Amino acid sequence: MIFGDKIRKIRISKGIKSKFVANKINMSPSSYCDIESGRKKLTLEHALIIADALGVDIKDFFYENKLRDSRDLPTGTDGK
């Protein structure tokens, strides 16, 4: 799965409009659409900002795991 597909899947699962994400990352909606469709390369900087806008950790773009809000994850090594 390409990053754009994964980003789109996460965005839709959270009920977030593409225009919201585009505005959040200071990008035109058409340029953001190009990222999701794979026509434009995703920079690390934009990936971090998009992950923040979607409320996920950037690693969620790499793995096929259950989507979750990364802010709900434990912060310590002991799971607390």
PDB file of N, CA and C in Angstrom:
ATOM      1  N   MET A   1       0.843  -1.179   0.000  1.00  0.00           N
ATOM      2  CA  MET A   1       0.000   0.000   0.000  1.00  0.00           C
ATOM      3  C   MET A   1       0.889   1.243   0.000  1.00  0.00           C
ATOM      4  N   ILE A   2       0.589   2.191  -0.860  1.00  0.00           N
ATOM      5  CA  ILE A   2       1.372   3.423  -0.875  1.00  0.00           C
ATOM      6  C   ILE A   2       0.910   4.333   0.263  1.00  0.00           C
ATOM      7  N   PHE A   3       1.774   5.255   0.636  1.00  0.00           N
ATOM      8  CA  PHE A   3       1.466   6.131   1.768  1.00  0.00           C
ATOM      9  C   PHE A   3       0.172   6.900   1.566  1.00  0.00           C
ATOM     10  N   GLY A   4      -0.053   7.394   0.361  1.00  0.00           N
ATOM     11  CA  GLY A   4      -1.270   8.154   0.093  1.00  0.00           C
ATOM     12  C   GLY A   4      -2.522   7.346   0.372  1.00  0.00           C
ATOM     13  N   ASP A   5      -2.514   6.082  -0.025  1.00  0.00           N
ATOM     14  CA  ASP A   5      -3.663   5.208   0.252  1.00  0.00           C
ATOM     15  C   ASP A   5      -3.878   5.042   1.749  1.00  0.00           C
ATOM     16  N   LYS A   6      -2.789   4.843   2.458  1.00  0.00           N
ATOM     17  CA  LYS A   6      -2.868   4.649   3.907  1.00  0.00           C
ATOM     18  C   LYS A   6      -3.381   5.914   4.582  1.00  0.00           C
ATOM     19  N   ILE A   7      -2.876   7.067   4.152  1.00  0.00           N
ATOM     20  CA  ILE A   7      -3.321   8.339   4.721  1.00  0.00           C
ATOM     21  C   ILE A   7      -4.811   8.533   4.453  1.00  0.00           C
ATOM     22  N   ARG A   8      -5.242   8.262   3.236  1.00  0.00           N
ATOM     23  CA  ARG A   8      -6.660   8.399   2.888  1.00  0.00           C
ATOM     24  C   ARG A   8      -7.521   7.470   3.752  1.00  0.00           C
ATOM     25  N   LYS A   9      -7.080   6.234   3.916  1.00  0.00           N
ATOM     26  CA  LYS A   9      -7.822   5.255   4.714  1.00  0.00           C
ATOM     27  C   LYS A   9      -7.970   5.739   6.160  1.00  0.00           C
ATOM     28  N   ILE A  10      -6.897   6.238   6.733  1.00  0.00           N
ATOM     29  CA  ILE A  10      -6.934   6.741   8.107  1.00  0.00           C
ATOM     30  C   ILE A  10      -7.858   7.959   8.185  1.00  0.00           C
ATOM     31  N   ARG A  11      -7.693   8.886   7.249  1.00  0.00           N
ATOM     32  CA  ARG A  11      -8.502  10.112   7.255  1.00  0.00           C
ATOM     33  C   ARG A  11      -9.994   9.788   7.178  1.00  0.00           C
ATOM     34  N   ILE A  12     -10.360   8.914   6.266  1.00  0.00           N
ATOM     35  CA  ILE A  12     -11.772   8.555   6.097  1.00  0.00           C
ATOM     36  C   ILE A  12     -12.302   7.825   7.326  1.00  0.00           C
ATOM     37  N   SER A  13     -11.484   6.944   7.897  1.00  0.00           N
ATOM     38  CA  SER A  13     -11.932   6.195   9.079  1.00  0.00           C
ATOM     39  C   SER A  13     -12.202   7.117  10.265  1.00  0.00           C
ATOM     40  N   LYS A  14     -11.558   8.264  10.280  1.00  0.00           N
ATOM     41  CA  LYS A  14     -11.744   9.228  11.361  1.00  0.00           C
ATOM     42  C   LYS A  14     -12.786  10.284  11.018  1.00  0.00           C
ATOM     43  N   GLY A  15     -13.337  10.205   9.812  1.00  0.00           N
ATOM     44  CA  GLY A  15     -14.373  11.159   9.416  1.00  0.00           C
ATOM     45  C   GLY A  15     -13.857  12.566   9.170  1.00  0.00           C
ATOM     46  N   ILE A  16     -12.597  12.675   8.768  1.00  0.00           N
ATOM     47  CA  ILE A  16     -11.975  13.981   8.535  1.00  0.00           C
ATOM     48  C   ILE A  16     -11.982  14.280   7.043  1.00  0.00           C
ATOM     49  N   LYS A  17     -12.366  15.479   6.695  1.00  0.00           N
ATOM     50  CA  LYS A  17     -12.388  15.915   5.294  1.00  0.00           C
ATOM     51  C   LYS A  17     -10.978  16.260   4.824  1.00  0.00           C
ATOM     52  N   SER A  18     -10.707  15.976   3.555  1.00  0.00           N
ATOM     53  CA  SER A  18      -9.386  16.268   2.993  1.00  0.00           C
ATOM     54  C   SER A  18      -9.078  17.764   3.034  1.00  0.00           C
ATOM     55  N   LYS A  19     -10.096  18.585   2.868  1.00  0.00           N
ATOM     56  CA  LYS A  19      -9.894  20.047   2.904  1.00  0.00           C
ATOM     57  C   LYS A  19      -9.384  20.484   4.282  1.00  0.00           C
ATOM     58  N   PHE A  20      -9.876  19.844   5.354  1.00  0.00           N
ATOM     59  CA  PHE A  20      -9.405  20.161   6.701  1.00  0.00           C
ATOM     60  C   PHE A  20      -7.913  19.886   6.829  1.00  0.00           C
ATOM     61  N   VAL A  21      -7.492  18.710   6.357  1.00  0.00           N
ATOM     62  CA  VAL A  21      -6.079  18.343   6.446  1.00  0.00           C
ATOM     63  C   VAL A  21      -5.234  19.300   5.596  1.00  0.00           C
ATOM     64  N   ALA A  22      -5.697  19.592   4.394  1.00  0.00           N
ATOM     65  CA  ALA A  22      -4.967  20.507   3.509  1.00  0.00           C
ATOM     66  C   ALA A  22      -4.765  21.851   4.179  1.00  0.00           C
ATOM     67  N   ASN A  23      -5.812  22.389   4.792  1.00  0.00           N
ATOM     68  CA  ASN A  23      -5.688  23.672   5.493  1.00  0.00           C
ATOM     69  C   ASN A  23      -4.747  23.577   6.677  1.00  0.00           C
ATOM     70  N   LYS A  24      -4.816  22.461   7.389  1.00  0.00           N
ATOM     71  CA  LYS A  24      -3.973  22.255   8.581  1.00  0.00           C
ATOM     72  C   LYS A  24      -2.481  22.229   8.223  1.00  0.00           C
ATOM     73  N   ILE A  25      -2.165  21.703   7.034  1.00  0.00           N
ATOM     74  CA  ILE A  25      -0.755  21.613   6.641  1.00  0.00           C
ATOM     75  C   ILE A  25      -0.362  22.730   5.681  1.00  0.00           C
ATOM     76  N   ASN A  26      -1.261  23.720   5.543  1.00  0.00           N
ATOM     77  CA  ASN A  26      -0.970  24.895   4.714  1.00  0.00           C
ATOM     78  C   ASN A  26      -0.671  24.509   3.268  1.00  0.00           C
ATOM     79  N   MET A  27      -1.576  23.718   2.714  1.00  0.00           N
ATOM     80  CA  MET A  27      -1.423  23.223   1.345  1.00  0.00           C
ATOM     81  C   MET A  27      -2.776  23.359   0.645  1.00  0.00           C
ATOM     82  N   SER A  28      -2.749  23.565  -0.647  1.00  0.00           N
ATOM     83  CA  SER A  28      -4.017  23.642  -1.375  1.00  0.00           C
ATOM     84  C   SER A  28      -4.689  22.266  -1.358  1.00  0.00           C
ATOM     85  N   PRO A  29      -6.023  22.245  -1.356  1.00  0.00           N
ATOM     86  CA  PRO A  29      -6.727  20.956  -1.380  1.00  0.00           C
ATOM     87  C   PRO A  29      -6.324  20.078  -2.564  1.00  0.00           C
ATOM     88  N   SER A  30      -6.053  20.687  -3.725  1.00  0.00           N
ATOM     89  CA  SER A  30      -5.666  19.873  -4.882  1.00  0.00           C
ATOM     90  C   SER A  30      -4.280  19.260  -4.698  1.00  0.00           C
ATOM     91  N   SER A  31      -3.360  20.000  -4.074  1.00  0.00           N
ATOM     92  CA  SER A  31      -2.024  19.438  -3.812  1.00  0.00           C
ATOM     93  C   SER A  31      -2.101  18.313  -2.793  1.00  0.00           C
ATOM     94  N   TYR A  32      -2.962  18.493  -1.769  1.00  0.00           N
ATOM     95  CA  TYR A  32      -3.128  17.434  -0.785  1.00  0.00           C
ATOM     96  C   TYR A  32      -3.733  16.189  -1.435  1.00  0.00           C
ATOM     97  N   CYS A  33      -4.691  16.395  -2.312  1.00  0.00           N
ATOM     98  CA  CYS A  33      -5.296  15.284  -3.055  1.00  0.00           C
ATOM     99  C   CYS A  33      -4.231  14.543  -3.866  1.00  0.00           C
ATOM    100  N   ASP A  34      -3.274  15.292  -4.412  1.00  0.00           N
ATOM    101  CA  ASP A  34      -2.179  14.677  -5.162  1.00  0.00           C
ATOM    102  C   ASP A  34      -1.323  13.776  -4.272  1.00  0.00           C
ATOM    103  N   ILE A  35      -1.166  14.133  -3.007  1.00  0.00           N
ATOM    104  CA  ILE A  35      -0.425  13.284  -2.065  1.00  0.00           C
ATOM    105  C   ILE A  35      -1.191  11.988  -1.838  1.00  0.00           C
ATOM    106  N   GLU A  36      -2.489  12.107  -1.546  1.00  0.00           N
ATOM    107  CA  GLU A  36      -3.291  10.912  -1.287  1.00  0.00           C
ATOM    108  C   GLU A  36      -3.370   9.993  -2.502  1.00  0.00           C
ATOM    109  N   SER A  37      -3.353  10.575  -3.687  1.00  0.00           N
ATOM    110  CA  SER A  37      -3.466   9.756  -4.902  1.00  0.00           C
ATOM    111  C   SER A  37      -2.112   9.247  -5.388  1.00  0.00           C
ATOM    112  N   GLY A  38      -1.018   9.705  -4.765  1.00  0.00           N
ATOM    113  CA  GLY A  38       0.311   9.256  -5.153  1.00  0.00           C
ATOM    114  C   GLY A  38       0.931  10.040  -6.298  1.00  0.00           C
ATOM    115  N   ARG A  39       0.275  11.106  -6.736  1.00  0.00           N
ATOM    116  CA  ARG A  39       0.830  11.927  -7.815  1.00  0.00           C
ATOM    117  C   ARG A  39       1.900  12.896  -7.322  1.00  0.00           C
ATOM    118  N   LYS A  40       1.911  13.143  -6.015  1.00  0.00           N
ATOM    119  CA  LYS A  40       2.903  14.031  -5.414  1.00  0.00           C
ATOM    120  C   LYS A  40       3.607  13.274  -4.309  1.00  0.00           C
ATOM    121  N   LYS A  41       4.919  13.406  -4.238  1.00  0.00           N
ATOM    122  CA  LYS A  41       5.684  12.712  -3.203  1.00  0.00           C
ATOM    123  C   LYS A  41       5.439  13.343  -1.846  1.00  0.00           C
ATOM    124  N   LEU A  42       5.400  12.494  -0.854  1.00  0.00           N
ATOM    125  CA  LEU A  42       5.182  12.913   0.524  1.00  0.00           C
ATOM    126  C   LEU A  42       6.524  13.158   1.191  1.00  0.00           C
ATOM    127  N   THR A  43       6.719  14.360   1.710  1.00  0.00           N
ATOM    128  CA  THR A  43       7.946  14.653   2.447  1.00  0.00           C
ATOM    129  C   THR A  43       7.768  14.217   3.898  1.00  0.00           C
ATOM    130  N   LEU A  44       8.855  14.012   4.585  1.00  0.00           N
ATOM    131  CA  LEU A  44       8.798  13.641   5.998  1.00  0.00           C
ATOM    132  C   LEU A  44       8.107  14.748   6.797  1.00  0.00           C
ATOM    133  N   GLU A  45       8.425  15.981   6.473  1.00  0.00           N
ATOM    134  CA  GLU A  45       7.805  17.110   7.172  1.00  0.00           C
ATOM    135  C   GLU A  45       6.280  17.081   7.033  1.00  0.00           C
ATOM    136  N   HIS A  46       5.811  16.893   5.801  1.00  0.00           N
ATOM    137  CA  HIS A  46       4.359  16.829   5.590  1.00  0.00           C
ATOM    138  C   HIS A  46       3.760  15.590   6.251  1.00  0.00           C
ATOM    139  N   ALA A  47       4.463  14.478   6.221  1.00  0.00           N
ATOM    140  CA  ALA A  47       3.964  13.256   6.854  1.00  0.00           C
ATOM    141  C   ALA A  47       3.757  13.478   8.351  1.00  0.00           C
ATOM    142  N   LEU A  48       4.683  14.149   8.993  1.00  0.00           N
ATOM    143  CA  LEU A  48       4.564  14.439  10.424  1.00  0.00           C
ATOM    144  C   LEU A  48       3.381  15.357  10.708  1.00  0.00           C
ATOM    145  N   ILE A  49       3.213  16.379   9.876  1.00  0.00           N
ATOM    146  CA  ILE A  49       2.119  17.325  10.061  1.00  0.00           C
ATOM    147  C   ILE A  49       0.771  16.649   9.793  1.00  0.00           C
ATOM    148  N   ILE A  50       0.720  15.820   8.754  1.00  0.00           N
ATOM    149  CA  ILE A  50      -0.521  15.101   8.435  1.00  0.00           C
ATOM    150  C   ILE A  50      -0.878  14.143   9.569  1.00  0.00           C
ATOM    151  N   ALA A  51       0.116  13.432  10.083  1.00  0.00           N
ATOM    152  CA  ALA A  51      -0.138  12.515  11.203  1.00  0.00           C
ATOM    153  C   ALA A  51      -0.712  13.279  12.388  1.00  0.00           C
ATOM    154  N   ASP A  52      -0.153  14.441  12.681  1.00  0.00           N
ATOM    155  CA  ASP A  52      -0.657  15.262  13.776  1.00  0.00           C
ATOM    156  C   ASP A  52      -2.093  15.702  13.505  1.00  0.00           C
ATOM    157  N   ALA A  53      -2.367  16.141  12.277  1.00  0.00           N
ATOM    158  CA  ALA A  53      -3.722  16.589  11.912  1.00  0.00           C
ATOM    159  C   ALA A  53      -4.736  15.450  12.034  1.00  0.00           C
ATOM    160  N   LEU A  54      -4.295  14.226  11.767  1.00  0.00           N
ATOM    161  CA  LEU A  54      -5.183  13.061  11.842  1.00  0.00           C
ATOM    162  C   LEU A  54      -5.232  12.452  13.240  1.00  0.00           C
ATOM    163  N   GLY A  55      -4.370  12.934  14.145  1.00  0.00           N
ATOM    164  CA  GLY A  55      -4.358  12.414  15.504  1.00  0.00           C
ATOM    165  C   GLY A  55      -3.773  11.025  15.617  1.00  0.00           C
ATOM    166  N   VAL A  56      -2.805  10.713  14.745  1.00  0.00           N
ATOM    167  CA  VAL A  56      -2.156   9.399  14.782  1.00  0.00           C
ATOM    168  C   VAL A  56      -0.647   9.585  14.849  1.00  0.00           C
ATOM    169  N   ASP A  57       0.040   8.519  15.131  1.00  0.00           N
ATOM    170  CA  ASP A  57       1.496   8.522  15.103  1.00  0.00           C
ATOM    171  C   ASP A  57       1.936   8.248  13.670  1.00  0.00           C
ATOM    172  N   ILE A  58       3.031   8.824  13.246  1.00  0.00           N
ATOM    173  CA  ILE A  58       3.503   8.648  11.869  1.00  0.00           C
ATOM    174  C   ILE A  58       3.720   7.165  11.540  1.00  0.00           C
ATOM    175  N   LYS A  59       4.052   6.356  12.531  1.00  0.00           N
ATOM    176  CA  LYS A  59       4.279   4.936  12.258  1.00  0.00           C
ATOM    177  C   LYS A  59       3.007   4.235  11.793  1.00  0.00           C
ATOM    178  N   ASP A  60       1.829   4.833  12.060  1.00  0.00           N
ATOM    179  CA  ASP A  60       0.579   4.248  11.578  1.00  0.00           C
ATOM    180  C   ASP A  60       0.492   4.283  10.055  1.00  0.00           C
ATOM    181  N   PHE A  61       1.295   5.120   9.416  1.00  0.00           N
ATOM    182  CA  PHE A  61       1.329   5.164   7.953  1.00  0.00           C
ATOM    183  C   PHE A  61       2.079   3.956   7.380  1.00  0.00           C
ATOM    184  N   PHE A  62       2.863   3.287   8.213  1.00  0.00           N
ATOM    185  CA  PHE A  62       3.695   2.190   7.756  1.00  0.00           C
ATOM    186  C   PHE A  62       3.112   0.814   8.029  1.00  0.00           C
ATOM    187  N   TYR A  63       2.248   0.710   9.021  1.00  0.00           N
ATOM    188  CA  TYR A  63       1.784  -0.595   9.459  1.00  0.00           C
ATOM    189  C   TYR A  63       0.287  -0.749   9.255  1.00  0.00           C
ATOM    190  N   GLU A  64      -0.131  -1.960   8.970  1.00  0.00           N
ATOM    191  CA  GLU A  64      -1.551  -2.308   8.862  1.00  0.00           C
ATOM    192  C   GLU A  64      -2.015  -2.766  10.228  1.00  0.00           C
ATOM    193  N   ASN A  65      -2.206  -1.823  11.122  1.00  0.00           N
ATOM    194  CA  ASN A  65      -2.683  -2.183  12.445  1.00  0.00           C
ATOM    195  C   ASN A  65      -3.988  -1.471  12.724  1.00  0.00           C
ATOM    196  N   LYS A  66      -4.598  -1.835  13.841  1.00  0.00           N
ATOM    197  CA  LYS A  66      -5.831  -1.180  14.232  1.00  0.00           C
ATOM    198  C   LYS A  66      -5.552   0.303  14.434  1.00  0.00           C
ATOM    199  N   LEU A  67      -6.366   1.133  13.820  1.00  0.00           N
ATOM    200  CA  LEU A  67      -6.187   2.564  13.974  1.00  0.00           C
ATOM    201  C   LEU A  67      -6.545   2.966  15.389  1.00  0.00           C
ATOM    202  N   ARG A  68      -5.725   3.813  15.955  1.00  0.00           N
ATOM    203  CA  ARG A  68      -5.989   4.297  17.299  1.00  0.00           C
ATOM    204  C   ARG A  68      -5.421   5.688  17.433  1.00  0.00           C
ATOM    205  N   ASP A  69      -5.893   6.390  18.408  1.00  0.00           N
ATOM    206  CA  ASP A  69      -5.389   7.727  18.670  1.00  0.00           C
ATOM    207  C   ASP A  69      -4.087   7.577  19.431  1.00  0.00           C
ATOM    208  N   SER A  70      -2.986   8.032  18.853  1.00  0.00           N
ATOM    209  CA  SER A  70      -1.674   7.850  19.463  1.00  0.00           C
ATOM    210  C   SER A  70      -1.558   8.578  20.798  1.00  0.00           C
ATOM    211  N   ARG A  71      -2.415   9.544  21.053  1.00  0.00           N
ATOM    212  CA  ARG A  71      -2.358  10.262  22.326  1.00  0.00           C
ATOM    213  C   ARG A  71      -2.895   9.403  23.464  1.00  0.00           C
ATOM    214  N   ASP A  72      -3.560   8.284  23.142  1.00  0.00           N
ATOM    215  CA  ASP A  72      -4.086   7.394  24.160  1.00  0.00           C
ATOM    216  C   ASP A  72      -3.113   6.279  24.533  1.00  0.00           C
ATOM    217  N   LEU A  73      -1.956   6.247  23.892  1.00  0.00           N
ATOM    218  CA  LEU A  73      -0.993   5.185  24.151  1.00  0.00           C
ATOM    219  C   LEU A  73      -0.208   5.445  25.416  1.00  0.00           C
ATOM    220  N   PRO A  74       0.218   4.383  26.099  1.00  0.00           N
ATOM    221  CA  PRO A  74       1.060   4.559  27.283  1.00  0.00           C
ATOM    222  C   PRO A  74       2.362   5.247  26.923  1.00  0.00           C
ATOM    223  N   THR A  75       2.894   6.035  27.824  1.00  0.00           N
ATOM    224  CA  THR A  75       4.138   6.744  27.532  1.00  0.00           C
ATOM    225  C   THR A  75       5.353   6.102  28.183  1.00  0.00           C
ATOM    226  N   GLY A  76       5.174   5.335  29.245  1.00  0.00           N
ATOM    227  CA  GLY A  76       6.281   4.699  29.931  1.00  0.00           C
ATOM    228  C   GLY A  76       6.593   3.335  29.364  1.00  0.00           C
ATOM    229  N   THR A  77       7.773   2.823  29.683  1.00  0.00           N
ATOM    230  CA  THR A  77       8.167   1.495  29.208  1.00  0.00           C
ATOM    231  C   THR A  77       7.441   0.386  29.945  1.00  0.00           C
ATOM    232  N   ASP A  78       6.824   0.732  31.086  1.00  0.00           N
ATOM    233  CA  ASP A  78       6.115  -0.289  31.852  1.00  0.00           C
ATOM    234  C   ASP A  78       4.647  -0.402  31.426  1.00  0.00           C
ATOM    235  N   GLY A  79       4.264   0.321  30.353  1.00  0.00           N
ATOM    236  CA  GLY A  79       2.904   0.242  29.847  1.00  0.00           C
ATOM    237  C   GLY A  79       1.922   1.171  30.540  1.00  0.00           C
ATOM    238  N   LYS A  80       2.433   2.044  31.381  1.00  0.00           N
ATOM    239  CA  LYS A  80       1.552   2.978  32.115  1.00  0.00           C
ATOM    240  C   LYS A  80       1.792   4.394  31.670  1.00  0.00           C
TER     241      LYS A  80
END
